[in-house]
PDB file of all heavy atoms in Angstrom:
ATOM      1  N   ILE A   1       1.640   0.187  -2.779  1.00  0.00           N
ATOM      2  CA  ILE A   1       0.468  -0.583  -3.179  1.00  0.00           C
ATOM      3  C   ILE A   1      -0.795  -0.084  -2.478  1.00  0.00           C
ATOM      4  O   ILE A   1      -1.882  -0.101  -3.062  1.00  0.00           O
ATOM      5  CB  ILE A   1       0.688  -2.089  -2.907  1.00  0.00           C
ATOM      6  CG1 ILE A   1      -0.408  -2.917  -3.607  1.00  0.00           C
ATOM      7  CG2 ILE A   1       0.746  -2.393  -1.419  1.00  0.00           C
ATOM      8  CD1 ILE A   1      -0.150  -4.404  -3.592  1.00  0.00           C
ATOM      9  N   ILE A   2      -0.655   0.397  -1.246  1.00  0.00           N
ATOM     10  CA  ILE A   2      -1.833   0.871  -0.518  1.00  0.00           C
ATOM     11  C   ILE A   2      -2.353   2.171  -1.122  1.00  0.00           C
ATOM     12  O   ILE A   2      -3.563   2.371  -1.260  1.00  0.00           O
ATOM     13  CB  ILE A   2      -1.506   1.071   0.979  1.00  0.00           C
ATOM     14  CG1 ILE A   2      -1.051  -0.255   1.598  1.00  0.00           C
ATOM     15  CG2 ILE A   2      -2.714   1.616   1.723  1.00  0.00           C
ATOM     16  CD1 ILE A   2      -2.085  -1.356   1.504  1.00  0.00           C
ATOM     17  N   GLN A   3      -1.439   3.055  -1.511  1.00  0.00           N
ATOM     18  CA  GLN A   3      -1.870   4.332  -2.082  1.00  0.00           C
ATOM     19  C   GLN A   3      -2.612   4.147  -3.408  1.00  0.00           C
ATOM     20  O   GLN A   3      -3.349   5.029  -3.830  1.00  0.00           O
ATOM     21  CB  GLN A   3      -0.662   5.255  -2.302  1.00  0.00           C
ATOM     22  CG  GLN A   3      -0.033   5.769  -1.010  1.00  0.00           C
ATOM     23  CD  GLN A   3       1.080   4.884  -0.500  1.00  0.00           C
ATOM     24  OE1 GLN A   3       0.986   3.664  -0.584  1.00  0.00           O
ATOM     25  NE2 GLN A   3       2.123   5.485   0.051  1.00  0.00           N
ATOM     26  N   ASN A   4      -2.402   3.007  -4.054  1.00  0.00           N
ATOM     27  CA  ASN A   4      -2.977   2.794  -5.379  1.00  0.00           C
ATOM     28  C   ASN A   4      -4.027   1.686  -5.415  1.00  0.00           C
ATOM     29  O   ASN A   4      -4.293   1.122  -6.472  1.00  0.00           O
ATOM     30  CB  ASN A   4      -1.854   2.458  -6.372  1.00  0.00           C
ATOM     31  CG  ASN A   4      -0.897   3.626  -6.556  1.00  0.00           C
ATOM     32  OD1 ASN A   4      -1.250   4.656  -7.095  1.00  0.00           O
ATOM     33  ND2 ASN A   4       0.333   3.460  -6.079  1.00  0.00           N
ATOM     34  N   VAL A   5      -4.633   1.385  -4.285  1.00  0.00           N
ATOM     35  CA  VAL A   5      -5.590   0.286  -4.236  1.00  0.00           C
ATOM     36  C   VAL A   5      -6.885   0.634  -4.963  1.00  0.00           C
ATOM     37  O   VAL A   5      -7.264   1.797  -5.105  1.00  0.00           O
ATOM     38  CB  VAL A   5      -5.935  -0.109  -2.786  1.00  0.00           C
ATOM     39  CG1 VAL A   5      -4.738  -0.637  -2.055  1.00  0.00           C
ATOM     40  CG2 VAL A   5      -6.563   1.065  -2.037  1.00  0.00           C
ATOM     41  N   PHE A   6      -7.570  -0.409  -5.428  1.00  0.00           N
ATOM     42  CA  PHE A   6      -8.948  -0.263  -5.893  1.00  0.00           C
ATOM     43  C   PHE A   6      -9.846  -0.044  -4.674  1.00  0.00           C
ATOM     44  O   PHE A   6      -9.602  -0.593  -3.597  1.00  0.00           O
ATOM     45  CB  PHE A   6      -9.415  -1.526  -6.619  1.00  0.00           C
ATOM     46  CG  PHE A   6      -8.855  -1.706  -7.995  1.00  0.00           C
ATOM     47  CD1 PHE A   6      -7.830  -2.622  -8.231  1.00  0.00           C
ATOM     48  CD2 PHE A   6      -9.355  -0.970  -9.065  1.00  0.00           C
ATOM     49  CE1 PHE A   6      -7.322  -2.811  -9.509  1.00  0.00           C
ATOM     50  CE2 PHE A   6      -8.846  -1.150 -10.350  1.00  0.00           C
ATOM     51  CZ  PHE A   6      -7.830  -2.060 -10.569  1.00  0.00           C
ATOM     52  N   THR A   7     -10.887   0.758  -4.865  1.00  0.00           N
ATOM     53  CA  THR A   7     -11.900   0.945  -3.819  1.00  0.00           C
ATOM     54  C   THR A   7     -13.243   0.465  -4.364  1.00  0.00           C
ATOM     55  O   THR A   7     -13.284  -0.373  -5.258  1.00  0.00           O
ATOM     56  CB  THR A   7     -11.969   2.415  -3.387  1.00  0.00           C
ATOM     57  OG1 THR A   7     -12.348   3.224  -4.513  1.00  0.00           O
ATOM     58  CG2 THR A   7     -10.628   2.892  -2.845  1.00  0.00           C
ATOM     59  N   GLU A   8     -14.346   0.998  -3.836  1.00  0.00           N
ATOM     60  CA  GLU A   8     -15.655   0.483  -4.256  1.00  0.00           C
ATOM     61  C   GLU A   8     -16.056   0.891  -5.664  1.00  0.00           C
ATOM     62  O   GLU A   8     -16.948   0.301  -6.255  1.00  0.00           O
ATOM     63  CB  GLU A   8     -16.741   0.897  -3.254  1.00  0.00           C
ATOM     64  CG  GLU A   8     -16.912   2.395  -3.085  1.00  0.00           C
ATOM     65  CD  GLU A   8     -16.094   2.933  -1.918  1.00  0.00           C
ATOM     66  OE1 GLU A   8     -15.046   2.343  -1.586  1.00  0.00           O
ATOM     67  OE2 GLU A   8     -16.523   3.943  -1.336  1.00  0.00           O
ATOM     68  N   ASN A   9     -15.397   1.917  -6.225  1.00  0.00           N
ATOM     69  CA  ASN A   9     -15.622   2.240  -7.630  1.00  0.00           C
ATOM     70  C   ASN A   9     -14.312   2.690  -8.256  1.00  0.00           C
ATOM     71  O   ASN A   9     -13.386   3.121  -7.576  1.00  0.00           O
ATOM     72  CB  ASN A   9     -16.736   3.287  -7.802  1.00  0.00           C
ATOM     73  CG  ASN A   9     -16.372   4.630  -7.209  1.00  0.00           C
ATOM     74  OD1 ASN A   9     -15.511   5.338  -7.746  1.00  0.00           O
ATOM     75  ND2 ASN A   9     -17.014   4.994  -6.096  1.00  0.00           N
ATOM     76  N   LEU A  10     -14.241   2.590  -9.566  1.00  0.00           N
ATOM     77  CA  LEU A  10     -12.978   2.804 -10.268  1.00  0.00           C
ATOM     78  C   LEU A  10     -12.470   4.236 -10.162  1.00  0.00           C
ATOM     79  O   LEU A  10     -11.270   4.482 -10.278  1.00  0.00           O
ATOM     80  CB  LEU A  10     -13.132   2.415 -11.742  1.00  0.00           C
ATOM     81  CG  LEU A  10     -13.357   0.928 -12.020  1.00  0.00           C
ATOM     82  CD1 LEU A  10     -13.617   0.703 -13.500  1.00  0.00           C
ATOM     83  CD2 LEU A  10     -12.157   0.104 -11.560  1.00  0.00           C
ATOM     84  N   ALA A  11     -13.380   5.183  -9.942  1.00  0.00           N
ATOM     85  CA  ALA A  11     -12.981   6.588  -9.936  1.00  0.00           C
ATOM     86  C   ALA A  11     -12.500   7.066  -8.572  1.00  0.00           C
ATOM     87  O   ALA A  11     -11.947   8.156  -8.456  1.00  0.00           O
ATOM     88  CB  ALA A  11     -14.154   7.460 -10.393  1.00  0.00           C
ATOM     89  N   LYS A  12     -12.691   6.254  -7.536  1.00  0.00           N
ATOM     90  CA  LYS A  12     -12.381   6.692  -6.179  1.00  0.00           C
ATOM     91  C   LYS A  12     -11.040   6.148  -5.722  1.00  0.00           C
ATOM     92  O   LYS A  12     -10.724   4.985  -5.935  1.00  0.00           O
ATOM     93  CB  LYS A  12     -13.481   6.226  -5.214  1.00  0.00           C
ATOM     94  CG  LYS A  12     -13.277   6.703  -3.779  1.00  0.00           C
ATOM     95  CD  LYS A  12     -14.405   6.202  -2.875  1.00  0.00           C
ATOM     96  CE  LYS A  12     -14.179   6.625  -1.433  1.00  0.00           C
ATOM     97  NZ  LYS A  12     -15.245   6.119  -0.539  1.00  0.00           N
ATOM     98  N   SER A  13     -10.235   7.001  -5.087  1.00  0.00           N
ATOM     99  CA  SER A  13      -8.961   6.571  -4.505  1.00  0.00           C
ATOM    100  C   SER A  13      -9.104   6.488  -2.990  1.00  0.00           C
ATOM    101  O   SER A  13     -10.032   7.052  -2.403  1.00  0.00           O
ATOM    102  CB  SER A  13      -7.845   7.550  -4.873  1.00  0.00           C
ATOM    103  OG  SER A  13      -8.163   8.862  -4.416  1.00  0.00           O
ATOM    104  N   ILE A  14      -8.165   5.800  -2.346  1.00  0.00           N
ATOM    105  CA  ILE A  14      -8.236   5.641  -0.905  1.00  0.00           C
ATOM    106  C   ILE A  14      -7.853   6.947  -0.222  1.00  0.00           C
ATOM    107  O   ILE A  14      -6.983   7.692  -0.697  1.00  0.00           O
ATOM    108  CB  ILE A  14      -7.326   4.479  -0.448  1.00  0.00           C
ATOM    109  CG1 ILE A  14      -7.650   4.088   0.989  1.00  0.00           C
ATOM    110  CG2 ILE A  14      -5.858   4.851  -0.602  1.00  0.00           C
ATOM    111  CD1 ILE A  14      -7.005   2.789   1.414  1.00  0.00           C
ATOM    112  N   GLU A  15      -8.493   7.242   0.891  1.00  0.00           N
ATOM    113  CA  GLU A  15      -8.256   8.499   1.583  1.00  0.00           C
ATOM    114  C   GLU A  15      -7.135   8.395   2.609  1.00  0.00           C
ATOM    115  O   GLU A  15      -6.377   9.335   2.812  1.00  0.00           O
ATOM    116  CB  GLU A  15      -9.556   8.954   2.265  1.00  0.00           C
ATOM    117  CG  GLU A  15     -10.681   9.258   1.273  1.00  0.00           C
ATOM    118  CD  GLU A  15     -11.967   9.656   1.973  1.00  0.00           C
ATOM    119  OE1 GLU A  15     -11.973   9.666   3.229  1.00  0.00           O
ATOM    120  OE2 GLU A  15     -12.959   9.942   1.281  1.00  0.00           O
ATOM    121  N   ASN A  16      -7.019   7.251   3.279  1.00  0.00           N
ATOM    122  CA  ASN A  16      -6.023   7.090   4.333  1.00  0.00           C
ATOM    123  C   ASN A  16      -5.254   5.797   4.101  1.00  0.00           C
ATOM    124  O   ASN A  16      -5.817   4.708   4.220  1.00  0.00           O
ATOM    125  CB  ASN A  16      -6.700   7.069   5.708  1.00  0.00           C
ATOM    126  CG  ASN A  16      -5.705   6.929   6.847  1.00  0.00           C
ATOM    127  OD1 ASN A  16      -4.504   7.112   6.652  1.00  0.00           O
ATOM    128  ND2 ASN A  16      -6.207   6.606   8.028  1.00  0.00           N
ATOM    129  N   SER A  17      -3.959   5.894   3.768  1.00  0.00           N
ATOM    130  CA  SER A  17      -3.159   4.703   3.486  1.00  0.00           C
ATOM    131  C   SER A  17      -2.590   4.064   4.750  1.00  0.00           C
ATOM    132  O   SER A  17      -2.081   2.944   4.699  1.00  0.00           O
ATOM    133  CB  SER A  17      -2.010   5.048   2.521  1.00  0.00           C
ATOM    134  OG  SER A  17      -1.188   6.050   3.082  1.00  0.00           O
ATOM    135  N   GLY A  18      -2.658   4.756   5.894  1.00  0.00           N
ATOM    136  CA  GLY A  18      -2.229   4.185   7.155  1.00  0.00           C
ATOM    137  C   GLY A  18      -0.714   4.148   7.328  1.00  0.00           C
ATOM    138  O   GLY A  18       0.055   4.565   6.466  1.00  0.00           O
ATOM    139  N   ASP A  19      -0.290   3.601   8.459  1.00  0.00           N
ATOM    140  CA  ASP A  19       1.129   3.518   8.808  1.00  0.00           C
ATOM    141  C   ASP A  19       1.767   2.322   8.104  1.00  0.00           C
ATOM    142  O   ASP A  19       1.233   1.219   8.107  1.00  0.00           O
ATOM    143  CB  ASP A  19       1.259   3.383  10.326  1.00  0.00           C
ATOM    144  CG  ASP A  19       2.708   3.321  10.775  1.00  0.00           C
ATOM    145  OD1 ASP A  19       3.577   3.808  10.029  1.00  0.00           O
ATOM    146  OD2 ASP A  19       2.965   2.773  11.868  1.00  0.00           O
ATOM    147  N   GLN A  20       2.944   2.530   7.509  1.00  0.00           N
ATOM    148  CA  GLN A  20       3.645   1.468   6.780  1.00  0.00           C
ATOM    149  C   GLN A  20       4.842   0.916   7.565  1.00  0.00           C
ATOM    150  O   GLN A  20       5.465  -0.047   7.123  1.00  0.00           O
ATOM    151  CB  GLN A  20       4.158   2.026   5.448  1.00  0.00           C
ATOM    152  CG  GLN A  20       3.088   2.581   4.538  1.00  0.00           C
ATOM    153  CD  GLN A  20       2.445   1.511   3.683  1.00  0.00           C
ATOM    154  OE1 GLN A  20       3.122   0.683   3.105  1.00  0.00           O
ATOM    155  NE2 GLN A  20       1.132   1.523   3.609  1.00  0.00           N
ATOM    156  N   SER A  21       5.149   1.504   8.708  1.00  0.00           N
ATOM    157  CA  SER A  21       6.407   1.192   9.390  1.00  0.00           C
ATOM    158  C   SER A  21       6.480  -0.241   9.907  1.00  0.00           C
ATOM    159  O   SER A  21       7.577  -0.795  10.061  1.00  0.00           O
ATOM    160  CB  SER A  21       6.625   2.171  10.550  1.00  0.00           C
ATOM    161  OG  SER A  21       5.574   2.058  11.503  1.00  0.00           O
ATOM    162  N   HIS A  22       5.336  -0.874  10.191  1.00  0.00           N
ATOM    163  CA  HIS A  22       5.339  -2.229  10.733  1.00  0.00           C
ATOM    164  C   HIS A  22       5.569  -3.283   9.658  1.00  0.00           C
ATOM    165  O   HIS A  22       5.777  -4.456   9.968  1.00  0.00           O
ATOM    166  CB  HIS A  22       4.006  -2.520  11.430  1.00  0.00           C
ATOM    167  CG  HIS A  22       2.825  -2.554  10.502  1.00  0.00           C
ATOM    168  ND1 HIS A  22       2.279  -1.401   9.973  1.00  0.00           N
ATOM    169  CD2 HIS A  22       2.105  -3.594   9.993  1.00  0.00           C
ATOM    170  CE1 HIS A  22       1.265  -1.736   9.193  1.00  0.00           C
ATOM    171  NE2 HIS A  22       1.146  -3.054   9.177  1.00  0.00           N
ATOM    172  N   LYS A  23       5.569  -2.874   8.390  1.00  0.00           N
ATOM    173  CA  LYS A  23       5.676  -3.828   7.293  1.00  0.00           C
ATOM    174  C   LYS A  23       7.145  -4.142   6.973  1.00  0.00           C
ATOM    175  O   LYS A  23       8.055  -3.402   7.335  1.00  0.00           O
ATOM    176  CB  LYS A  23       4.979  -3.276   6.054  1.00  0.00           C
ATOM    177  CG  LYS A  23       3.486  -3.027   6.272  1.00  0.00           C
ATOM    178  CD  LYS A  23       2.820  -2.490   5.013  1.00  0.00           C
ATOM    179  CE  LYS A  23       1.326  -2.277   5.232  1.00  0.00           C
ATOM    180  NZ  LYS A  23       0.660  -1.781   4.015  1.00  0.00           N
ATOM    181  N   MET A  24       7.353  -5.243   6.259  1.00  0.00           N
ATOM    182  CA  MET A  24       8.706  -5.643   5.902  1.00  0.00           C
ATOM    183  C   MET A  24       9.341  -4.608   4.984  1.00  0.00           C
ATOM    184  O   MET A  24       8.714  -4.158   4.027  1.00  0.00           O
ATOM    185  CB  MET A  24       8.689  -7.008   5.199  1.00  0.00           C
ATOM    186  CG  MET A  24      10.057  -7.491   4.737  1.00  0.00           C
ATOM    187  SD  MET A  24      10.013  -9.102   3.923  1.00  0.00           S
ATOM    188  CE  MET A  24       9.725 -10.170   5.327  1.00  0.00           C
ATOM    189  N   PRO A  25      10.610  -4.226   5.226  1.00  0.00           N
ATOM    190  CA  PRO A  25      11.294  -3.294   4.319  1.00  0.00           C
ATOM    191  C   PRO A  25      11.375  -3.877   2.912  1.00  0.00           C
ATOM    192  O   PRO A  25      11.562  -5.084   2.721  1.00  0.00           O
ATOM    193  CB  PRO A  25      12.684  -3.149   4.942  1.00  0.00           C
ATOM    194  CG  PRO A  25      12.491  -3.486   6.379  1.00  0.00           C
ATOM    195  CD  PRO A  25      11.417  -4.543   6.410  1.00  0.00           C
ATOM    196  N   THR A  26      11.243  -3.015   1.918  1.00  0.00           N
ATOM    197  CA  THR A  26      11.219  -3.457   0.525  1.00  0.00           C
ATOM    198  C   THR A  26      12.484  -4.201   0.141  1.00  0.00           C
ATOM    199  O   THR A  26      12.430  -5.234  -0.542  1.00  0.00           O
ATOM    200  CB  THR A  26      11.036  -2.239  -0.394  1.00  0.00           C
ATOM    201  OG1 THR A  26       9.929  -1.466   0.065  1.00  0.00           O
ATOM    202  CG2 THR A  26      10.765  -2.680  -1.822  1.00  0.00           C
ATOM    203  N   ASP A  27      13.663  -3.703   0.569  1.00  0.00           N
ATOM    204  CA  ASP A  27      14.915  -4.337   0.150  1.00  0.00           C
ATOM    205  C   ASP A  27      15.052  -5.753   0.696  1.00  0.00           C
ATOM    206  O   ASP A  27      15.630  -6.619   0.033  1.00  0.00           O
ATOM    207  CB  ASP A  27      16.120  -3.479   0.546  1.00  0.00           C
ATOM    208  CG  ASP A  27      16.200  -3.195   2.040  1.00  0.00           C
ATOM    209  OD1 ASP A  27      15.231  -3.509   2.760  1.00  0.00           O
ATOM    210  OD2 ASP A  27      17.222  -2.650   2.482  1.00  0.00           O
ATOM    211  N   ARG A  28      14.500  -6.026   1.878  1.00  0.00           N
ATOM    212  CA  ARG A  28      14.559  -7.392   2.409  1.00  0.00           C
ATOM    213  C   ARG A  28      13.656  -8.315   1.590  1.00  0.00           C
ATOM    214  O   ARG A  28      14.032  -9.452   1.282  1.00  0.00           O
ATOM    215  CB  ARG A  28      14.158  -7.428   3.883  1.00  0.00           C
ATOM    216  CG  ARG A  28      14.096  -8.854   4.437  1.00  0.00           C
ATOM    217  CD  ARG A  28      14.160  -8.907   5.950  1.00  0.00           C
ATOM    218  NE  ARG A  28      13.961 -10.260   6.452  1.00  0.00           N
ATOM    219  CZ  ARG A  28      14.877 -11.229   6.417  1.00  0.00           C
ATOM    220  NH1 ARG A  28      16.055 -10.994   5.887  1.00  0.00           N
ATOM    221  NH2 ARG A  28      14.629 -12.423   6.899  1.00  0.00           N
ATOM    222  N   CYS A  29      12.492  -7.847   1.239  1.00  0.00           N
ATOM    223  CA  CYS A  29      11.591  -8.656   0.409  1.00  0.00           C
ATOM    224  C   CYS A  29      12.241  -8.976  -0.935  1.00  0.00           C
ATOM    225  O   CYS A  29      12.165 -10.112  -1.431  1.00  0.00           O
ATOM    226  CB  CYS A  29      10.265  -7.927   0.201  1.00  0.00           C
ATOM    227  SG  CYS A  29       9.058  -8.858  -0.773  1.00  0.00           S
ATOM    228  N   VAL A  30      12.901  -7.978  -1.531  1.00  0.00           N
ATOM    229  CA  VAL A  30      13.572  -8.185  -2.813  1.00  0.00           C
ATOM    230  C   VAL A  30      14.686  -9.213  -2.666  1.00  0.00           C
ATOM    231  O   VAL A  30      14.824 -10.125  -3.499  1.00  0.00           O
ATOM    232  CB  VAL A  30      14.133  -6.854  -3.347  1.00  0.00           C
ATOM    233  CG1 VAL A  30      15.021  -7.100  -4.562  1.00  0.00           C
ATOM    234  CG2 VAL A  30      12.995  -5.911  -3.711  1.00  0.00           C
ATOM    235  N   ARG A  31      15.479  -9.100  -1.611  1.00  0.00           N
ATOM    236  CA  ARG A  31      16.595 -10.039  -1.405  1.00  0.00           C
ATOM    237  C   ARG A  31      16.081 -11.474  -1.261  1.00  0.00           C
ATOM    238  O   ARG A  31      16.623 -12.402  -1.871  1.00  0.00           O
ATOM    239  CB  ARG A  31      17.410  -9.643  -0.177  1.00  0.00           C
ATOM    240  CG  ARG A  31      18.556 -10.604   0.103  1.00  0.00           C
ATOM    241  CD  ARG A  31      19.431 -10.133   1.252  1.00  0.00           C
ATOM    242  NE  ARG A  31      20.471 -11.116   1.550  1.00  0.00           N
ATOM    243  CZ  ARG A  31      21.605 -11.256   0.869  1.00  0.00           C
ATOM    244  NH1 ARG A  31      21.850 -10.458  -0.159  1.00  0.00           N
ATOM    245  NH2 ARG A  31      22.486 -12.171   1.200  1.00  0.00           N
ATOM    246  N   LEU A  32      15.029 -11.655  -0.474  1.00  0.00           N
ATOM    247  CA  LEU A  32      14.483 -12.997  -0.275  1.00  0.00           C
ATOM    248  C   LEU A  32      13.854 -13.530  -1.558  1.00  0.00           C
ATOM    249  O   LEU A  32      13.888 -14.738  -1.817  1.00  0.00           O
ATOM    250  CB  LEU A  32      13.470 -12.979   0.867  1.00  0.00           C
ATOM    251  CG  LEU A  32      14.055 -12.704   2.256  1.00  0.00           C
ATOM    252  CD1 LEU A  32      12.954 -12.586   3.295  1.00  0.00           C
ATOM    253  CD2 LEU A  32      15.048 -13.794   2.651  1.00  0.00           C
TER     254      LEU A  32
END
């Protein structure tokens, strides 16, 4: 979701998506 975020204009993509390791693992979110 971070790699595909909207920015200040529709034609611009984000340059730095940052570290994802601190976030909840996808499979746990799906299970819950």
